[in-house]
Protein backbone atom coordinates (compact mmCIF):
# COMPACT_ATOMS: atom_id res chain seq x y z
CA MET A 1 -11.34 73.77 -4.87
CA SER A 2 -10.50 71.98 -1.67
CA ARG A 3 -10.16 68.22 -1.53
CA GLU A 4 -12.30 66.17 0.81
CA SER A 5 -10.46 64.61 3.71
CA GLU A 6 -10.97 60.89 4.36
CA LYS A 7 -13.09 61.80 7.39
CA GLU A 8 -15.23 64.23 5.39
CA ARG A 9 -15.69 61.64 2.65
CA ALA A 10 -16.77 59.01 5.19
CA ASP A 11 -19.19 61.51 6.76
CA ARG A 12 -20.68 62.40 3.37
CA ASN A 13 -20.92 58.78 2.28
CA PHE A 14 -22.68 57.81 5.50
CA VAL A 15 -25.18 60.65 5.16
CA GLU A 16 -25.86 59.61 1.54
CA LEU A 17 -26.39 55.99 2.60
CA LEU A 18 -28.81 57.04 5.34
CA GLN A 19 -30.76 59.22 2.90
CA GLY A 20 -31.16 56.27 0.56
CA ALA A 21 -32.23 54.01 3.41
CA ARG A 22 -34.87 56.54 4.51
CA VAL A 23 -36.58 56.21 1.16
CA ALA A 24 -36.67 52.42 1.32
CA VAL A 25 -37.36 51.90 5.01
CA THR A 26 -40.74 53.63 4.94
CA GLY A 27 -42.02 51.37 2.19
CA VAL A 28 -40.54 48.29 3.84
CA GLN A 29 -42.16 49.12 7.16
CA VAL A 30 -45.59 49.67 5.57
CA LEU A 31 -45.29 46.36 3.69
CA PHE A 32 -44.09 44.56 6.83
CA ALA A 33 -46.90 46.00 8.96
CA PHE A 34 -49.48 44.97 6.38
CA LEU A 35 -48.04 41.46 6.15
CA LEU A 36 -48.15 41.11 9.94
CA THR A 37 -51.92 41.67 9.88
CA VAL A 38 -52.76 39.29 7.01
CA PRO A 39 -52.86 36.02 9.01
CA PHE A 40 -55.54 37.49 11.24
CA SER A 41 -57.94 38.13 8.37
CA GLN A 42 -60.91 35.80 7.92
CA GLN A 43 -59.82 34.46 4.53
CA PHE A 44 -56.24 33.54 5.47
CA ASP A 45 -57.14 29.99 6.46
CA ARG A 46 -58.36 29.38 2.89
CA LEU A 47 -54.86 29.85 1.44
CA ALA A 48 -53.36 26.89 -0.33
CA PRO A 49 -50.05 25.55 1.02
CA ALA A 50 -48.11 27.15 -1.86
CA ASP A 51 -49.67 30.52 -1.02
CA ARG A 52 -48.74 30.11 2.63
CA TRP A 53 -45.13 29.61 1.53
CA LEU A 54 -45.36 32.75 -0.61
CA PHE A 55 -46.67 34.59 2.42
CA PHE A 56 -43.81 33.18 4.51
CA ALA A 57 -41.25 34.41 1.94
CA ALA A 58 -42.88 37.85 1.80
CA LEU A 59 -43.00 38.19 5.59
CA VAL A 60 -39.43 37.00 6.19
CA GLY A 61 -38.14 39.13 3.29
CA ALA A 62 -39.78 42.22 4.76
CA ALA A 63 -38.37 41.43 8.21
CA VAL A 64 -34.84 40.96 6.83
CA ALA A 65 -35.12 44.16 4.76
CA SER A 66 -36.28 46.10 7.84
CA ILE A 67 -33.38 44.77 9.88
CA CYS A 68 -30.86 45.64 7.17
CA TYR A 69 -32.17 49.17 6.63
CA ILE A 70 -32.26 49.91 10.37
CA ALA A 71 -28.83 48.37 11.11
CA PRO A 72 -26.71 51.39 10.07
CA THR A 73 -28.55 53.71 12.45
CA ALA A 74 -28.37 51.24 15.32
CA GLN A 75 -24.68 50.56 14.73
CA HIS A 76 -24.00 54.29 14.50
CA ARG A 77 -25.39 54.64 18.02
CA VAL A 78 -23.20 51.80 19.32
CA LEU A 79 -20.07 53.05 17.53
CA PHE A 80 -20.70 56.73 18.33
CA ARG A 81 -17.43 58.65 18.78
CA GLN A 82 -15.28 55.58 18.19
CA GLY A 83 -13.66 56.85 14.97
CA ARG A 84 -15.01 53.99 12.86
CA LYS A 85 -17.09 55.85 10.31
CA GLU A 86 -15.37 54.22 7.30
CA LEU A 87 -16.16 50.75 8.69
CA LEU A 88 -19.73 51.88 9.28
CA VAL A 89 -19.99 53.16 5.68
CA LYS A 90 -18.79 49.81 4.29
CA ARG A 91 -21.19 47.84 6.48
CA SER A 92 -24.07 50.18 5.69
CA ASN A 93 -23.49 49.73 1.98
CA PHE A 94 -23.54 45.94 2.41
CA TYR A 95 -26.71 46.12 4.51
CA GLY A 96 -28.33 48.37 1.92
CA ILE A 97 -27.66 45.85 -0.85
CA LEU A 98 -28.81 42.93 1.31
CA GLY A 99 -31.92 44.88 2.33
CA ALA A 100 -32.75 45.64 -1.30
CA LEU A 101 -32.41 41.95 -2.21
CA ALA A 102 -34.66 40.97 0.70
CA LEU A 103 -37.15 43.63 -0.39
CA ILE A 104 -37.21 42.15 -3.90
CA VAL A 105 -38.05 38.76 -2.39
CA SER A 106 -40.78 40.27 -0.23
CA MET A 107 -42.36 42.37 -2.97
CA THR A 108 -42.22 39.53 -5.47
CA ALA A 109 -43.74 37.01 -3.07
CA ALA A 110 -46.43 39.41 -1.86
CA THR A 111 -47.38 40.33 -5.43
CA GLY A 112 -47.43 36.67 -6.43
CA LEU A 113 -49.56 35.80 -3.42
CA VAL A 114 -52.19 38.44 -4.12
CA ILE A 115 -52.37 37.70 -7.85
CA ASP A 116 -52.54 33.96 -7.18
CA TYR A 117 -55.38 34.50 -4.70
CA LEU A 118 -57.29 36.74 -7.10
CA PHE A 119 -56.55 35.15 -10.49
CA GLY A 120 -54.71 31.87 -9.96
CA PRO A 121 -51.15 30.68 -10.53
CA ARG A 122 -51.18 30.97 -14.33
CA LEU A 123 -51.03 34.75 -14.03
CA ALA A 124 -49.33 34.98 -10.64
CA TRP A 125 -46.03 33.30 -11.52
CA PRO A 126 -45.28 35.25 -14.72
CA VAL A 127 -46.20 38.58 -13.11
CA ALA A 128 -44.19 37.82 -9.97
CA GLY A 129 -41.26 36.79 -12.15
CA ALA A 130 -41.53 40.01 -14.15
CA ILE A 131 -41.59 42.03 -10.91
CA ALA A 132 -38.43 40.27 -9.71
CA VAL A 133 -36.63 40.78 -13.03
CA LEU A 134 -37.64 44.45 -13.20
CA ALA A 135 -36.44 45.11 -9.65
CA LEU A 136 -33.18 43.25 -10.20
CA TRP A 137 -32.54 45.11 -13.45
CA THR A 138 -33.41 48.62 -12.24
CA TRP A 139 -31.82 48.28 -8.81
CA PHE A 140 -28.72 46.26 -9.69
CA GLY A 141 -28.36 45.28 -13.34
CA GLN A 142 -28.01 48.73 -14.87
CA ALA A 143 -25.62 49.85 -12.12
CA ALA A 144 -23.53 46.69 -12.52
CA ILE A 145 -23.18 47.34 -16.25
CA ASP A 146 -22.19 50.96 -15.60
CA ARG A 147 -19.66 49.84 -13.02
CA ALA A 148 -18.19 47.18 -15.31
CA SER A 149 -17.96 49.62 -18.21
CA GLY A 150 -15.68 51.86 -16.18
CA ASP A 151 -18.14 54.72 -15.90
CA ASP A 152 -16.41 56.39 -12.97
CA GLN A 153 -17.85 59.91 -13.10
CA ASP A 154 -18.62 59.83 -9.38
CA ARG A 155 -15.09 58.65 -8.63
CA ASP A 156 -13.71 61.52 -10.71
CA ASP A 157 -15.87 63.97 -8.78
CA GLN A 158 -14.76 62.43 -5.52
CA ASP A 159 -11.07 62.46 -6.41
CA SER A 160 -11.19 66.08 -7.54
CA GLY A 161 -12.75 67.13 -4.24
CA GLU A 162 -16.10 67.84 -5.87
CA VAL A 163 -19.40 66.18 -5.30
CA PRO A 164 -21.96 65.76 -8.07
CA GLY A 165 -23.59 69.10 -8.73
CA GLY A 166 -20.39 71.10 -8.73
CA SER A 167 -20.01 72.01 -5.06
CA SER A 168 -16.84 71.39 -3.14
CA GLY A 169 -16.60 68.19 -1.15
CA GLY A 170 -16.58 69.91 2.22
CA SER A 171 -19.77 71.88 1.67
CA ASP A 172 -22.01 68.85 2.17
CA VAL A 173 -20.47 67.99 5.52
CA PRO A 174 -22.52 69.35 8.43
CA SER A 175 -20.71 72.07 10.30
CA SER A 176 -22.67 72.42 13.54
CA SER A 177 -20.91 71.26 16.70
CA SER A 178 -23.47 68.49 17.31
CA SER A 179 -22.99 67.20 13.77
CA ARG A 180 -19.25 67.22 14.26
CA GLU A 181 -19.66 65.16 17.42
CA GLU A 182 -21.85 62.65 15.57
CA SER A 183 -19.33 62.43 12.71
CA ARG A 184 -16.76 61.05 15.16
CA ALA A 185 -18.75 57.77 15.31
């Protein structure tokens, strides 16, 4: 089994980060687009000041999440063929975490806003809180516990030159000439 070079590892890590962002960015963009239309609805002017602040948090959270999830692709274009893929991987990971946190804010605020509008604050706040706790736990809490417990299966796979699933590290790296040019970024 061949070991992954640093360049191959950076290429693979960047591709994995982009795949994860693709899943999230679609949902973020749909939520953001919906939130952009809400103020133009006939009932928006009836919102209480607290609901307007919830809307503000949801809208800004969705905007920040969109920016964070799009940043790696934009920076890849700017840094194309500069040999800074490892830097791009580190930044992309940071932006992914920041984007997920902003998405939690947006989803929680939007859910709270809708439930408050439909049923009032007595139901809205506990449900919004539960949504926030669930997202924090499933997106970060479990992974943080695994990381703290020393569960380093992925690191073992990486160090042995294998990627999860049993293939060699180099097999996931694109081999076409255009992909090789892009990997120089």
